Amino acid sequence: MTLTLGHITFDCHDAAALATFWSELLDKPVDPEANAQFATVGMGSGPAPVLMFIQVPDKTPGKNVIHLDLHAADWREQIDRAIGLGAEHIGDFDEFGAKWATLADPEGNLFDIGAA
């Protein structure tokens, strides 16, 4: 038996609001019945991982240890788009033959957008 990826889970304060941010960024709908306590994105979108958002009373302080690496040919435009949706631009990097920007979603979860 092999392991398969079930969900990428975000602990958050407002599940529906954070799901809306990621829904708009990835151009995938928030799944029905989203609320402040629980929401998902991507249940009906095919084989891509489902993003799951769960309200928790207090998030673990510090940097999240798992983050998403997103890639796009128009990565600079996608960075600007993410910022327009409420992301914070943390920094740009050019290392190991790759270029990417690190951003934080509206609740401070880090993610990268790199050049494809």
C-alpha atoms as a PDB file:
ATOM      1  CA  MET A   1       0.000   0.000   0.000  1.00  0.00           C
ATOM      2  CA  THR A   2       1.246   3.519  -0.812  1.00  0.00           C
ATOM      3  CA  LEU A   3       0.494   6.795   0.848  1.00  0.00           C
ATOM      4  CA  THR A   4      -1.431   9.417  -1.089  1.00  0.00           C
ATOM      5  CA  LEU A   5      -1.859  13.084  -0.362  1.00  0.00           C
ATOM      6  CA  GLY A   6      -5.277  13.691   1.141  1.00  0.00           C
ATOM      7  CA  HIS A   7      -5.315  17.409   1.956  1.00  0.00           C
ATOM      8  CA  ILE A   8      -3.046  20.328   2.530  1.00  0.00           C
ATOM      9  CA  THR A   9      -4.406  21.674   5.810  1.00  0.00           C
ATOM     10  CA  PHE A  10      -4.238  25.215   7.140  1.00  0.00           C
ATOM     11  CA  ASP A  11      -4.941  26.002  10.789  1.00  0.00           C
ATOM     12  CA  CYS A  12      -6.565  29.427  10.751  1.00  0.00           C
ATOM     13  CA  HIS A  13      -8.837  31.929  12.487  1.00  0.00           C
ATOM     14  CA  ASP A  14     -11.498  32.212   9.747  1.00  0.00           C
ATOM     15  CA  ALA A  15     -11.692  29.178   7.451  1.00  0.00           C
ATOM     16  CA  ALA A  16     -14.078  30.678   4.893  1.00  0.00           C
ATOM     17  CA  ALA A  17     -12.107  33.910   4.544  1.00  0.00           C
ATOM     18  CA  LEU A  18      -8.770  32.151   4.089  1.00  0.00           C
ATOM     19  CA  ALA A  19     -10.327  29.632   1.679  1.00  0.00           C
ATOM     20  CA  THR A  20     -11.617  32.576  -0.372  1.00  0.00           C
ATOM     21  CA  PHE A  21      -8.092  34.022  -0.633  1.00  0.00           C
ATOM     22  CA  TRP A  22      -6.647  30.701  -1.856  1.00  0.00           C
ATOM     23  CA  SER A  23      -9.658  30.102  -4.115  1.00  0.00           C
ATOM     24  CA  GLU A  24      -9.094  33.407  -5.886  1.00  0.00           C
ATOM     25  CA  LEU A  25      -5.322  32.938  -6.070  1.00  0.00           C
ATOM     26  CA  LEU A  26      -5.588  29.436  -7.585  1.00  0.00           C
ATOM     27  CA  ASP A  27      -8.741  30.182  -9.620  1.00  0.00           C
ATOM     28  CA  LYS A  28     -10.629  27.262  -8.049  1.00  0.00           C
ATOM     29  CA  PRO A  29     -13.962  27.586  -6.273  1.00  0.00           C
ATOM     30  CA  VAL A  30     -14.481  27.318  -2.538  1.00  0.00           C
ATOM     31  CA  ASP A  31     -16.425  24.117  -2.004  1.00  0.00           C
ATOM     32  CA  PRO A  32     -20.069  24.381  -0.832  1.00  0.00           C
ATOM     33  CA  GLU A  33     -20.943  24.846   2.838  1.00  0.00           C
ATOM     34  CA  ALA A  34     -17.793  26.787   3.778  1.00  0.00           C
ATOM     35  CA  ASN A  35     -18.022  28.590   7.101  1.00  0.00           C
ATOM     36  CA  ALA A  36     -15.743  30.247   9.648  1.00  0.00           C
ATOM     37  CA  GLN A  37     -14.914  26.871  11.231  1.00  0.00           C
ATOM     38  CA  PHE A  38     -14.292  24.671   8.154  1.00  0.00           C
ATOM     39  CA  ALA A  39     -13.822  25.106   4.416  1.00  0.00           C
ATOM     40  CA  THR A  40     -12.195  23.333   1.470  1.00  0.00           C
ATOM     41  CA  VAL A  41     -11.008  24.279  -2.007  1.00  0.00           C
ATOM     42  CA  GLY A  42     -10.661  21.761  -4.818  1.00  0.00           C
ATOM     43  CA  MET A  43     -12.877  18.822  -3.803  1.00  0.00           C
ATOM     44  CA  GLY A  44     -14.434  18.720  -7.285  1.00  0.00           C
ATOM     45  CA  SER A  45     -11.435  19.959  -9.282  1.00  0.00           C
ATOM     46  CA  GLY A  46      -9.865  16.653 -10.245  1.00  0.00           C
ATOM     47  CA  PRO A  47      -6.590  15.100  -9.110  1.00  0.00           C
ATOM     48  CA  ALA A  48      -4.958  18.203  -7.592  1.00  0.00           C
ATOM     49  CA  PRO A  49      -4.626  18.248  -3.785  1.00  0.00           C
ATOM     50  CA  VAL A  50      -7.538  19.602  -1.781  1.00  0.00           C
ATOM     51  CA  LEU A  51      -6.822  22.575   0.452  1.00  0.00           C
ATOM     52  CA  MET A  52      -8.570  22.263   3.819  1.00  0.00           C
ATOM     53  CA  PHE A  53      -8.995  25.119   6.292  1.00  0.00           C
ATOM     54  CA  ILE A  54      -9.827  24.467   9.945  1.00  0.00           C
ATOM     55  CA  GLN A  55     -10.465  27.077  12.611  1.00  0.00           C
ATOM     56  CA  VAL A  56      -8.238  26.625  15.665  1.00  0.00           C
ATOM     57  CA  PRO A  57      -8.270  28.651  18.882  1.00  0.00           C
ATOM     58  CA  ASP A  58      -4.566  29.509  18.722  1.00  0.00           C
ATOM     59  CA  LYS A  59      -2.094  28.897  15.931  1.00  0.00           C
ATOM     60  CA  THR A  60       1.396  27.652  16.638  1.00  0.00           C
ATOM     61  CA  PRO A  61       3.664  30.723  16.769  1.00  0.00           C
ATOM     62  CA  GLY A  62       6.516  31.136  14.308  1.00  0.00           C
ATOM     63  CA  LYS A  63       7.068  30.028  10.742  1.00  0.00           C
ATOM     64  CA  ASN A  64       4.840  27.347   9.295  1.00  0.00           C
ATOM     65  CA  VAL A  65       6.894  24.228   8.570  1.00  0.00           C
ATOM     66  CA  ILE A  66       4.975  23.276   5.423  1.00  0.00           C
ATOM     67  CA  HIS A  67       4.318  25.711   2.638  1.00  0.00           C
ATOM     68  CA  LEU A  68       3.129  25.656  -0.956  1.00  0.00           C
ATOM     69  CA  ASP A  69       5.510  26.171  -3.854  1.00  0.00           C
ATOM     70  CA  LEU A  70       3.574  27.528  -6.816  1.00  0.00           C
ATOM     71  CA  HIS A  71       5.062  27.957 -10.290  1.00  0.00           C
ATOM     72  CA  ALA A  72       4.010  30.155 -13.201  1.00  0.00           C
ATOM     73  CA  ALA A  73       5.548  31.362 -16.448  1.00  0.00           C
ATOM     74  CA  ASP A  74       4.170  34.828 -15.609  1.00  0.00           C
ATOM     75  CA  TRP A  75       5.374  34.623 -12.014  1.00  0.00           C
ATOM     76  CA  ARG A  76       5.886  38.361 -11.505  1.00  0.00           C
ATOM     77  CA  GLU A  77       2.303  39.027 -12.589  1.00  0.00           C
ATOM     78  CA  GLN A  78       1.105  36.271 -10.249  1.00  0.00           C
ATOM     79  CA  ILE A  79       3.069  37.819  -7.365  1.00  0.00           C
ATOM     80  CA  ASP A  80       1.372  41.158  -8.020  1.00  0.00           C
ATOM     81  CA  ARG A  81      -1.988  39.381  -8.237  1.00  0.00           C
ATOM     82  CA  ALA A  82      -1.409  37.648  -4.892  1.00  0.00           C
ATOM     83  CA  ILE A  83      -0.500  40.969  -3.272  1.00  0.00           C
ATOM     84  CA  GLY A  84      -3.665  42.503  -4.724  1.00  0.00           C
ATOM     85  CA  LEU A  85      -5.663  39.706  -3.092  1.00  0.00           C
ATOM     86  CA  GLY A  86      -4.148  40.449   0.320  1.00  0.00           C
ATOM     87  CA  ALA A  87      -0.796  38.620   0.420  1.00  0.00           C
ATOM     88  CA  GLU A  88       2.288  40.258   1.885  1.00  0.00           C
ATOM     89  CA  HIS A  89       5.493  40.167  -0.186  1.00  0.00           C
ATOM     90  CA  ILE A  90       8.258  38.878   2.102  1.00  0.00           C
ATOM     91  CA  GLY A  91      11.219  38.740  -0.297  1.00  0.00           C
ATOM     92  CA  ASP A  92      12.713  37.688  -3.625  1.00  0.00           C
ATOM     93  CA  PHE A  93      15.275  34.939  -4.060  1.00  0.00           C
ATOM     94  CA  ASP A  94      17.583  33.741  -6.826  1.00  0.00           C
ATOM     95  CA  GLU A  95      19.383  30.627  -5.663  1.00  0.00           C
ATOM     96  CA  PHE A  96      20.313  27.180  -6.933  1.00  0.00           C
ATOM     97  CA  GLY A  97      19.312  28.124 -10.481  1.00  0.00           C
ATOM     98  CA  ALA A  98      15.779  29.099  -9.444  1.00  0.00           C
ATOM     99  CA  LYS A  99      13.993  32.408  -8.944  1.00  0.00           C
ATOM    100  CA  TRP A 100      11.062  32.811  -6.583  1.00  0.00           C
ATOM    101  CA  ALA A 101       9.302  35.173  -4.229  1.00  0.00           C
ATOM    102  CA  THR A 102       8.141  34.329  -0.726  1.00  0.00           C
ATOM    103  CA  LEU A 103       4.781  35.730   0.310  1.00  0.00           C
ATOM    104  CA  ALA A 104       2.450  35.387   3.284  1.00  0.00           C
ATOM    105  CA  ASP A 105      -1.293  34.866   2.981  1.00  0.00           C
ATOM    106  CA  PRO A 106      -3.659  37.105   5.004  1.00  0.00           C
ATOM    107  CA  GLU A 107      -3.083  34.995   8.146  1.00  0.00           C
ATOM    108  CA  GLY A 108       0.705  34.869   7.799  1.00  0.00           C
ATOM    109  CA  ASN A 109       1.129  31.417   6.199  1.00  0.00           C
ATOM    110  CA  LEU A 110       4.159  31.511   3.928  1.00  0.00           C
ATOM    111  CA  PHE A 111       4.108  30.366   0.298  1.00  0.00           C
ATOM    112  CA  ASP A 112       6.417  30.757  -2.706  1.00  0.00           C
ATOM    113  CA  ILE A 113       5.721  31.709  -6.305  1.00  0.00           C
ATOM    114  CA  GLY A 114       8.551  30.699  -8.626  1.00  0.00           C
ATOM    115  CA  ALA A 115       9.389  31.070 -12.272  1.00  0.00           C
ATOM    116  CA  ALA A 116       8.284  28.039 -14.283  1.00  0.00           C
END
